[in-house]
Amino acid sequence: MRLKEEQIARLAEHVLEDLTKAGLITLKKERGVLLAAVKTVIAADIKAEEALERDAERLLEESLRSMGGGTGIDRHKMLRMIKEKLARDRKIVL
């Protein structure tokens, strides 16, 4: 999922606000510093998911080529299975 910078910023604001309101965290640093850290983590997670998607697509294409084109195979289902396996291996939560 591709998010714009302002969308990431709003998401980070909501996350920080919700965690604070729920009493799950206590701010020990300036809010701006924490907000920047949350934005960085969200952006890194999005990049990891995009890399996972690219790798899954590449593996799917390689698998289909090795199977002679993969006639009769549900590409969508196979792609989902590959993504789930890669996500487990990389400890990424989808």
Protein backbone atom coordinates (compact mmCIF):
# COMPACT_ATOMS: atom_id res chain seq x y z
CA MET A 1 0.00 0.00 0.00
CA ARG A 2 1.47 3.31 -1.02
CA LEU A 3 0.80 6.15 1.41
CA LYS A 4 1.67 9.79 0.89
CA GLU A 5 3.89 11.57 3.40
CA GLU A 6 0.95 13.50 4.87
CA GLN A 7 -1.04 10.28 5.26
CA ILE A 8 1.84 8.72 7.18
CA ALA A 9 2.03 11.84 9.35
CA ARG A 10 -1.69 11.68 10.17
CA LEU A 11 -1.45 7.96 10.91
CA ALA A 12 1.50 8.58 13.23
CA GLU A 13 -0.48 11.33 15.01
CA HIS A 14 -3.40 8.97 15.54
CA VAL A 15 -1.20 6.15 16.79
CA LEU A 16 0.62 8.38 19.27
CA GLU A 17 -2.61 10.02 20.42
CA ASP A 18 -4.43 6.70 20.89
CA LEU A 19 -1.53 5.13 22.81
CA THR A 20 -1.32 8.19 25.07
CA LYS A 21 -5.08 8.39 25.69
CA ALA A 22 -5.25 4.67 26.48
CA GLY A 23 -2.50 5.10 29.05
CA LEU A 24 -0.31 2.57 27.27
CA ILE A 25 2.61 4.99 27.02
CA THR A 26 3.94 7.93 28.94
CA LEU A 27 5.79 10.55 26.95
CA LYS A 28 9.35 10.87 28.25
CA LYS A 29 10.59 12.87 25.29
CA GLU A 30 9.26 15.80 23.34
CA ARG A 31 6.14 14.91 21.32
CA GLY A 32 7.76 15.96 18.04
CA VAL A 33 10.68 13.58 18.57
CA LEU A 34 8.31 10.69 19.28
CA LEU A 35 6.12 11.59 16.33
CA ALA A 36 9.14 11.53 14.01
CA ALA A 37 10.10 8.10 15.36
CA VAL A 38 6.59 6.72 14.79
CA LYS A 39 6.60 8.11 11.22
CA THR A 40 9.97 6.46 10.57
CA VAL A 41 8.70 3.09 11.80
CA ILE A 42 5.54 3.31 9.71
CA ALA A 43 7.51 4.25 6.57
CA ALA A 44 9.98 1.39 7.16
CA ASP A 45 7.10 -1.06 7.55
CA ILE A 46 5.54 0.12 4.30
CA LYS A 47 8.87 -0.27 2.48
CA ALA A 48 9.29 -3.80 3.86
CA GLU A 49 5.80 -4.71 2.67
CA GLU A 50 6.52 -3.27 -0.80
CA ALA A 51 9.75 -5.31 -1.00
CA LEU A 52 7.83 -8.41 0.05
CA GLU A 53 5.28 -7.77 -2.71
CA ARG A 54 8.03 -7.37 -5.35
CA ASP A 55 9.81 -10.52 -4.20
CA ALA A 56 6.57 -12.52 -4.17
CA GLU A 57 5.79 -11.39 -7.73
CA ARG A 58 9.29 -12.36 -8.87
CA LEU A 59 9.06 -15.79 -7.20
CA LEU A 60 5.64 -16.37 -8.72
CA GLU A 61 6.93 -15.61 -12.21
CA GLU A 62 9.94 -17.89 -11.69
CA SER A 63 7.70 -20.68 -10.42
CA LEU A 64 5.28 -20.37 -13.30
CA ARG A 65 8.13 -20.39 -15.85
CA SER A 66 9.61 -23.52 -14.28
CA MET A 67 6.18 -25.17 -14.51
CA GLY A 68 5.90 -24.45 -18.21
CA GLY A 69 3.68 -21.39 -17.94
CA GLY A 70 1.46 -22.62 -15.13
CA THR A 71 -1.63 -23.18 -17.24
CA GLY A 72 -4.64 -23.81 -15.03
CA ILE A 73 -3.02 -22.37 -11.90
CA ASP A 74 -4.79 -19.66 -9.91
CA ARG A 75 -2.14 -16.90 -9.97
CA HIS A 76 -3.88 -14.85 -7.29
CA LYS A 77 -4.05 -17.77 -4.85
CA MET A 78 -0.45 -18.78 -5.55
CA LEU A 79 0.77 -15.19 -5.09
CA ARG A 80 -1.05 -14.97 -1.76
CA MET A 81 0.54 -18.24 -0.59
CA ILE A 82 4.02 -17.04 -1.60
CA LYS A 83 3.48 -13.69 0.16
CA GLU A 84 2.31 -15.43 3.33
CA LYS A 85 5.37 -17.72 3.32
CA LEU A 86 7.77 -14.82 2.74
CA ALA A 87 6.03 -12.79 5.46
CA ARG A 88 6.42 -15.64 7.97
CA ASP A 89 10.08 -16.10 7.02
CA ARG A 90 10.76 -12.36 7.38
CA LYS A 91 8.56 -12.00 10.48
CA ILE A 92 6.33 -9.44 8.78
CA VAL A 93 2.71 -9.16 9.86
CA LEU A 94 0.39 -8.64 6.91
